[in-house]
N, C-alpha and C. Protein backbone atom coordinates (compact mmCIF):
# COMPACT_ATOMS: atom_id res chain seq x y z
N UNK A 1 17.91 -19.04 -27.04
CA UNK A 1 16.57 -18.35 -27.31
C UNK A 1 17.25 -17.01 -27.83
N UNK A 2 18.31 -16.30 -27.71
CA UNK A 2 18.75 -15.21 -28.36
C UNK A 2 19.07 -15.72 -29.77
N UNK A 3 19.47 -16.72 -30.33
CA UNK A 3 19.71 -17.22 -31.68
C UNK A 3 18.24 -16.93 -32.13
N UNK A 4 17.18 -17.27 -31.79
CA UNK A 4 16.05 -17.21 -32.46
C UNK A 4 15.59 -15.51 -32.62
N UNK A 5 15.94 -14.82 -31.86
CA UNK A 5 15.62 -13.44 -32.02
C UNK A 5 16.55 -12.78 -32.97
N UNK A 6 17.72 -13.27 -33.12
CA UNK A 6 18.74 -12.67 -34.08
C UNK A 6 18.16 -12.71 -35.42
N UNK A 7 17.18 -13.45 -35.78
CA UNK A 7 16.64 -13.29 -37.23
C UNK A 7 16.20 -11.93 -37.43
N UNK A 8 15.59 -11.56 -36.49
CA UNK A 8 14.86 -10.03 -36.32
C UNK A 8 15.47 -9.21 -36.28
N UNK A 9 16.73 -9.13 -36.30
CA UNK A 9 17.80 -7.93 -36.16
C UNK A 9 17.99 -7.24 -37.47
N UNK A 10 17.85 -7.85 -38.65
CA UNK A 10 18.11 -7.49 -39.95
C UNK A 10 16.91 -6.63 -40.45
N UNK A 11 17.06 -5.75 -40.65
CA UNK A 11 15.79 -4.71 -41.31
C UNK A 11 15.45 -5.33 -42.73
N UNK A 12 16.23 -5.90 -43.28
CA UNK A 12 15.89 -6.58 -44.57
C UNK A 12 14.88 -7.76 -44.39
N UNK A 13 15.33 -8.68 -43.39
CA UNK A 13 14.41 -9.76 -43.17
C UNK A 13 13.09 -9.56 -42.77
N UNK A 14 12.92 -8.28 -41.76
CA UNK A 14 11.68 -7.70 -41.23
C UNK A 14 10.98 -7.27 -42.46
N UNK A 15 11.48 -6.65 -43.31
CA UNK A 15 10.83 -5.90 -44.37
C UNK A 15 10.27 -7.17 -45.37
N UNK A 16 11.21 -8.13 -45.73
CA UNK A 16 10.77 -9.24 -46.58
C UNK A 16 9.70 -10.26 -45.91
N UNK A 17 9.75 -10.29 -44.34
CA UNK A 17 8.75 -11.12 -43.90
C UNK A 17 7.27 -10.33 -43.96
N UNK A 18 7.44 -8.98 -43.84
CA UNK A 18 5.98 -8.43 -44.01
C UNK A 18 5.62 -8.23 -45.37
N UNK A 19 6.53 -8.15 -46.15
CA UNK A 19 6.06 -8.40 -47.52
C UNK A 19 5.53 -9.68 -48.08
N UNK A 20 6.02 -10.63 -47.29
CA UNK A 20 5.42 -12.05 -47.65
C UNK A 20 4.13 -12.16 -46.96
N UNK A 21 3.70 -11.59 -45.94
CA UNK A 21 2.57 -11.55 -45.37
C UNK A 21 1.45 -10.91 -46.08
N UNK A 22 2.06 -9.51 -46.54
CA UNK A 22 1.06 -8.69 -47.41
C UNK A 22 0.94 -9.36 -48.78
N UNK A 23 1.87 -10.14 -49.37
CA UNK A 23 1.19 -10.62 -50.72
C UNK A 23 0.48 -11.95 -50.35
N UNK A 24 0.79 -12.65 -49.24
CA UNK A 24 -0.27 -13.76 -49.02
C UNK A 24 -1.79 -13.01 -48.69
N UNK A 25 -1.75 -12.11 -48.12
CA UNK A 25 -2.99 -11.63 -47.96
C UNK A 25 -3.63 -11.08 -49.04
N UNK A 26 -2.94 -10.45 -50.17
CA UNK A 26 -3.30 -10.03 -51.51
C UNK A 26 -3.77 -11.17 -52.11
N UNK A 27 -3.01 -12.25 -52.03
CA UNK A 27 -3.47 -13.38 -53.04
C UNK A 27 -4.55 -14.02 -52.57
N UNK A 28 -4.82 -14.17 -51.26
CA UNK A 28 -6.02 -14.56 -50.89
C UNK A 28 -7.31 -13.73 -51.06
N UNK A 29 -7.01 -12.25 -51.06
CA UNK A 29 -8.05 -11.66 -51.28
C UNK A 29 -8.34 -11.41 -52.98
N UNK A 30 -7.33 -11.50 -53.57
CA UNK A 30 -7.46 -11.47 -54.98
C UNK A 30 -8.36 -12.61 -55.41
N UNK A 31 -8.07 -13.95 -54.89
CA UNK A 31 -8.97 -15.07 -55.30
C UNK A 31 -10.59 -14.82 -54.83
N UNK A 32 -10.62 -14.18 -54.02
CA UNK A 32 -12.21 -13.76 -53.31
C UNK A 32 -12.56 -12.86 -54.18
N UNK A 33 -11.92 -11.82 -55.02
CA UNK A 33 -12.29 -11.06 -55.74
C UNK A 33 -12.86 -11.38 -57.12
N UNK A 34 -12.34 -12.55 -57.60
CA UNK A 34 -12.64 -13.47 -58.65
C UNK A 34 -14.23 -13.77 -58.27
N UNK A 35 -14.44 -14.37 -57.15
CA UNK A 35 -15.68 -14.96 -56.92
C UNK A 35 -16.66 -14.08 -56.89
N UNK A 36 -16.31 -12.56 -56.75
CA UNK A 36 -17.18 -11.29 -56.61
C UNK A 36 -17.23 -10.88 -55.26
N UNK A 37 -16.31 -10.48 -55.00
CA UNK A 37 -16.28 -9.87 -53.23
C UNK A 37 -17.01 -8.63 -53.34
N UNK A 38 -16.99 -7.97 -52.07
CA UNK A 38 -17.52 -6.57 -51.69
C UNK A 38 -16.49 -5.53 -52.21
N UNK A 39 -16.81 -4.19 -52.31
CA UNK A 39 -16.02 -2.88 -52.53
C UNK A 39 -14.95 -3.07 -51.48
N UNK A 40 -15.36 -3.12 -50.31
CA UNK A 40 -14.26 -2.98 -49.19
C UNK A 40 -13.09 -4.06 -49.79
N UNK A 41 -13.34 -5.22 -49.76
CA UNK A 41 -12.24 -6.21 -50.01
C UNK A 41 -11.69 -5.90 -51.28
N UNK A 42 -12.07 -5.31 -52.37
CA UNK A 42 -11.26 -4.77 -53.47
C UNK A 42 -10.36 -3.62 -53.10
N UNK A 43 -10.74 -2.70 -52.18
CA UNK A 43 -10.05 -1.72 -51.59
C UNK A 43 -8.56 -2.55 -50.86
N UNK A 44 -8.99 -3.44 -49.94
CA UNK A 44 -8.06 -4.13 -49.11
C UNK A 44 -7.06 -4.51 -49.91
N UNK A 45 -7.47 -5.45 -51.37
CA UNK A 45 -6.48 -5.73 -51.92
C UNK A 45 -5.73 -4.88 -52.75
N UNK A 46 -6.23 -3.90 -53.06
CA UNK A 46 -5.40 -2.70 -53.74
C UNK A 46 -4.36 -2.20 -52.77
N UNK A 47 -4.69 -1.95 -51.53
CA UNK A 47 -3.90 -1.41 -50.50
C UNK A 47 -2.65 -2.56 -50.19
N UNK A 48 -3.11 -3.66 -50.12
CA UNK A 48 -2.04 -4.78 -49.86
C UNK A 48 -1.14 -4.82 -51.10
N UNK A 49 -1.60 -4.76 -52.15
CA UNK A 49 -0.79 -4.54 -53.57
C UNK A 49 0.30 -3.40 -53.51
N UNK A 50 -0.32 -2.31 -53.43
CA UNK A 50 0.63 -1.06 -53.20
C UNK A 50 1.61 -1.20 -51.98
N UNK A 51 1.26 -1.68 -51.15
CA UNK A 51 2.34 -2.02 -49.90
C UNK A 51 3.29 -2.99 -50.34
N UNK A 52 2.81 -4.02 -50.96
CA UNK A 52 3.92 -4.82 -51.11
C UNK A 52 4.75 -4.38 -52.25
N UNK A 53 4.30 -3.71 -53.27
CA UNK A 53 5.19 -2.97 -54.26
C UNK A 53 6.02 -2.10 -53.68
N UNK A 54 5.87 -1.32 -52.68
CA UNK A 54 6.55 -0.37 -52.09
C UNK A 54 7.50 -1.01 -51.32
N UNK A 55 7.24 -2.11 -50.54
CA UNK A 55 8.26 -3.11 -49.80
C UNK A 55 9.27 -3.73 -50.53
N UNK A 56 8.66 -3.94 -52.00
CA UNK A 56 9.65 -4.96 -52.99
C UNK A 56 10.72 -3.70 -53.26
N UNK A 57 10.19 -2.41 -53.50
CA UNK A 57 11.11 -1.57 -54.06
C UNK A 57 12.15 -1.07 -53.07
N UNK A 58 11.83 -0.84 -51.53
CA UNK A 58 12.46 -0.83 -50.49
C UNK A 58 13.72 -1.64 -50.44
N UNK A 59 13.18 -2.94 -50.46
CA UNK A 59 14.25 -4.08 -50.41
C UNK A 59 15.21 -3.90 -51.49
N UNK A 60 14.77 -3.75 -52.75
CA UNK A 60 15.81 -3.54 -53.88
C UNK A 60 16.76 -2.25 -53.44
N UNK A 61 16.40 -1.14 -53.10
CA UNK A 61 17.24 -0.07 -52.91
C UNK A 61 18.31 -0.49 -51.58
N UNK A 62 17.69 -1.23 -50.72
CA UNK A 62 18.70 -1.62 -49.41
C UNK A 62 19.47 -2.85 -50.27
N UNK A 63 19.20 -3.55 -50.98
CA UNK A 63 20.13 -4.48 -51.60
C UNK A 63 21.24 -3.73 -52.28
N UNK A 64 20.75 -2.80 -53.20
CA UNK A 64 21.73 -2.07 -54.06
C UNK A 64 22.69 -1.32 -53.03
N UNK A 65 22.19 -0.70 -51.83
CA UNK A 65 23.04 0.12 -51.09
C UNK A 65 23.94 -0.82 -50.68
N UNK A 66 23.59 -2.12 -49.96
CA UNK A 66 24.36 -2.79 -49.02
C UNK A 66 25.37 -3.78 -50.02
N UNK A 67 24.88 -4.24 -51.25
CA UNK A 67 25.65 -5.14 -51.93
C UNK A 67 26.16 -4.60 -53.25
N UNK A 68 25.77 -3.23 -53.55
CA UNK A 68 26.42 -2.65 -54.86
C UNK A 68 25.60 -2.99 -56.08
N UNK A 69 25.86 -2.62 -57.22
CA UNK A 69 25.07 -2.84 -58.53
C UNK A 69 25.88 -3.88 -59.26
N UNK A 70 25.82 -5.31 -58.87
CA UNK A 70 25.90 -6.39 -59.67
C UNK A 70 25.14 -6.67 -60.82
N UNK A 71 25.35 -7.17 -61.92
CA UNK A 71 24.56 -7.34 -63.09
C UNK A 71 23.63 -8.23 -62.82
N UNK A 72 23.70 -9.55 -62.38
CA UNK A 72 22.80 -10.70 -61.84
C UNK A 72 21.94 -10.16 -60.87
N UNK A 73 22.44 -9.25 -59.94
CA UNK A 73 21.33 -8.73 -58.88
C UNK A 73 20.41 -7.68 -59.46
N UNK A 74 20.92 -6.89 -60.33
CA UNK A 74 19.90 -5.91 -60.92
C UNK A 74 18.93 -6.69 -61.99
N UNK A 75 19.54 -7.62 -62.84
CA UNK A 75 18.75 -8.24 -63.51
C UNK A 75 17.46 -9.18 -62.73
N UNK A 76 17.74 -9.61 -61.55
CA UNK A 76 16.87 -10.47 -60.62
C UNK A 76 15.77 -9.52 -60.15
N UNK A 77 16.22 -8.39 -59.74
CA UNK A 77 15.37 -7.40 -58.96
C UNK A 77 14.19 -6.78 -60.10
N UNK A 78 14.81 -6.74 -61.38
CA UNK A 78 14.09 -5.96 -62.46
C UNK A 78 13.04 -7.09 -62.81
N UNK A 79 13.69 -8.34 -63.05
CA UNK A 79 12.70 -9.47 -63.45
C UNK A 79 11.48 -9.57 -62.50
N UNK A 80 11.68 -9.49 -61.14
CA UNK A 80 10.67 -9.51 -60.26
C UNK A 80 9.71 -8.39 -60.37
N UNK A 81 10.21 -7.27 -60.75
CA UNK A 81 9.47 -5.90 -60.58
C UNK A 81 8.60 -6.21 -62.17
N UNK A 82 9.28 -6.90 -63.08
CA UNK A 82 8.48 -7.23 -64.28
C UNK A 82 7.34 -7.95 -64.24
N UNK A 83 7.42 -9.05 -63.24
CA UNK A 83 6.32 -10.03 -62.83
C UNK A 83 5.34 -9.40 -62.22
N UNK A 84 5.80 -8.38 -61.35
CA UNK A 84 4.49 -7.40 -60.74
C UNK A 84 3.80 -6.74 -61.85
N UNK A 85 4.47 -6.21 -62.76
CA UNK A 85 3.75 -5.26 -63.60
C UNK A 85 3.11 -6.09 -64.64
N UNK A 86 3.24 -7.41 -64.93
CA UNK A 86 2.66 -8.39 -65.65
C UNK A 86 1.46 -8.60 -65.09
N UNK A 87 1.49 -8.93 -63.76
CA UNK A 87 0.22 -9.29 -63.06
C UNK A 87 -0.86 -8.09 -62.98
N UNK A 88 -0.48 -6.87 -62.90
CA UNK A 88 -1.20 -5.60 -62.92
C UNK A 88 -1.91 -5.44 -64.41
N UNK A 89 -1.08 -5.61 -65.31
CA UNK A 89 -1.46 -5.46 -66.88
C UNK A 89 -2.58 -6.39 -67.05
N UNK A 90 -2.54 -7.66 -66.71
CA UNK A 90 -3.32 -8.67 -66.86
C UNK A 90 -4.68 -8.54 -66.08
N UNK A 91 -4.81 -7.80 -64.82
CA UNK A 91 -5.99 -7.53 -64.39
C UNK A 91 -6.59 -6.31 -64.71
N UNK A 92 -5.87 -5.54 -65.20
CA UNK A 92 -6.27 -4.34 -65.75
C UNK A 92 -7.25 -4.57 -67.17
N UNK A 93 -7.00 -5.39 -67.87
CA UNK A 93 -7.83 -5.96 -69.17
C UNK A 93 -8.90 -6.33 -68.73
N UNK A 94 -9.37 -7.04 -67.53
CA UNK A 94 -10.52 -7.74 -66.97
C UNK A 94 -11.31 -8.34 -68.10
N UNK A 95 -10.57 -9.17 -68.63
CA UNK A 95 -11.29 -10.47 -69.42
C UNK A 95 -11.38 -11.62 -68.56
N UNK A 96 -12.51 -12.24 -68.69
CA UNK A 96 -12.81 -13.32 -67.80
C UNK A 96 -11.61 -14.33 -67.82
N UNK A 97 -11.23 -14.67 -69.16
CA UNK A 97 -10.19 -15.79 -69.39
C UNK A 97 -8.74 -15.28 -68.72
N UNK A 98 -8.54 -14.12 -68.47
CA UNK A 98 -7.44 -13.62 -68.08
C UNK A 98 -7.21 -13.93 -66.46
N UNK A 99 -8.41 -14.01 -65.72
CA UNK A 99 -8.27 -14.35 -64.15
C UNK A 99 -7.68 -15.68 -64.05
N UNK A 100 -7.74 -16.50 -65.02
CA UNK A 100 -7.06 -17.61 -64.69
C UNK A 100 -5.57 -17.64 -64.46
N UNK A 101 -4.93 -16.85 -65.39
CA UNK A 101 -3.54 -16.70 -65.46
C UNK A 101 -3.15 -15.90 -64.19
N UNK A 102 -3.99 -14.83 -63.79
CA UNK A 102 -3.66 -14.07 -62.81
C UNK A 102 -3.19 -14.86 -61.53
N UNK A 103 -4.15 -16.00 -61.31
CA UNK A 103 -3.91 -16.58 -60.14
C UNK A 103 -2.62 -17.45 -60.16
N UNK A 104 -2.22 -17.81 -61.55
CA UNK A 104 -0.85 -18.36 -61.35
C UNK A 104 0.37 -17.36 -61.15
N UNK A 105 0.05 -16.21 -61.50
CA UNK A 105 0.99 -15.10 -61.39
C UNK A 105 1.10 -14.46 -59.97
N UNK A 106 -0.17 -14.72 -59.15
CA UNK A 106 -0.10 -14.44 -57.96
C UNK A 106 0.47 -15.42 -57.08
N UNK A 107 0.41 -16.62 -57.46
CA UNK A 107 1.14 -17.50 -56.80
C UNK A 107 2.49 -17.57 -57.15
N UNK A 108 3.09 -17.22 -58.10
CA UNK A 108 4.55 -17.00 -58.49
C UNK A 108 5.05 -15.61 -57.63
N UNK A 109 4.22 -14.65 -57.28
CA UNK A 109 4.63 -13.60 -56.43
C UNK A 109 4.70 -14.02 -55.16
N UNK A 110 3.99 -15.24 -54.57
CA UNK A 110 4.19 -15.57 -53.37
C UNK A 110 5.46 -16.30 -53.12
N UNK A 111 5.85 -16.90 -54.26
CA UNK A 111 7.13 -17.69 -54.43
C UNK A 111 8.39 -16.70 -54.31
N UNK A 112 8.01 -15.65 -55.09
CA UNK A 112 9.15 -14.61 -55.27
C UNK A 112 9.39 -13.95 -53.68
N UNK A 113 8.30 -13.75 -53.01
CA UNK A 113 8.42 -13.09 -51.55
C UNK A 113 9.16 -14.08 -50.54
N UNK A 114 8.74 -15.42 -50.92
CA UNK A 114 9.28 -16.45 -50.12
C UNK A 114 10.82 -16.62 -50.23
N UNK A 115 11.02 -16.61 -51.45
CA UNK A 115 12.53 -16.49 -51.82
C UNK A 115 13.29 -15.33 -51.21
N UNK A 116 12.61 -14.19 -51.22
CA UNK A 116 12.98 -12.90 -50.85
C UNK A 116 13.37 -13.15 -49.05
N UNK A 117 12.30 -13.53 -48.33
CA UNK A 117 12.61 -13.95 -46.96
C UNK A 117 13.65 -14.86 -47.02
N UNK A 118 13.98 -15.84 -47.53
CA UNK A 118 14.85 -17.11 -47.35
C UNK A 118 16.26 -16.21 -47.74
N UNK A 119 16.42 -15.33 -48.74
CA UNK A 119 17.82 -14.83 -48.94
C UNK A 119 18.23 -13.72 -48.02
N UNK A 120 17.16 -13.01 -47.05
CA UNK A 120 17.62 -12.00 -46.27
C UNK A 120 17.67 -12.72 -44.84
N UNK A 121 17.33 -14.23 -44.51
CA UNK A 121 17.66 -14.58 -43.11
C UNK A 121 19.09 -14.42 -42.80
N UNK A 122 19.55 -13.91 -41.77
CA UNK A 122 20.93 -14.03 -41.28
C UNK A 122 21.40 -15.21 -41.20
N UNK A 123 22.49 -15.63 -41.46
CA UNK A 123 23.22 -16.83 -41.25
C UNK A 123 24.16 -16.85 -40.17
């Protein structure tokens, strides 16, 4: 039983898990916004997005502090951040056709967070 709880001893795995939960909630609320949701749901979606970006940045800093600055690691973190910025820029354009691509990018952000949880699970 103690092996089960040892997963939660790493701060990186806890942050990655919280980020995955926030990204999932943000993805679901984003899909509801496309259908025309309320003002409050828009604010919740924005708070989830800001929180997940903050957690992503904290995880990147922690990874650089513990692992060092390796070229492939830096490129991977920058690529993930560019995907986040691409989603934000598509949403800001507010064209009806762009919402189709936002859902695909939102799903890729979920996969990115799932990968972050996977790589931070202690072995």
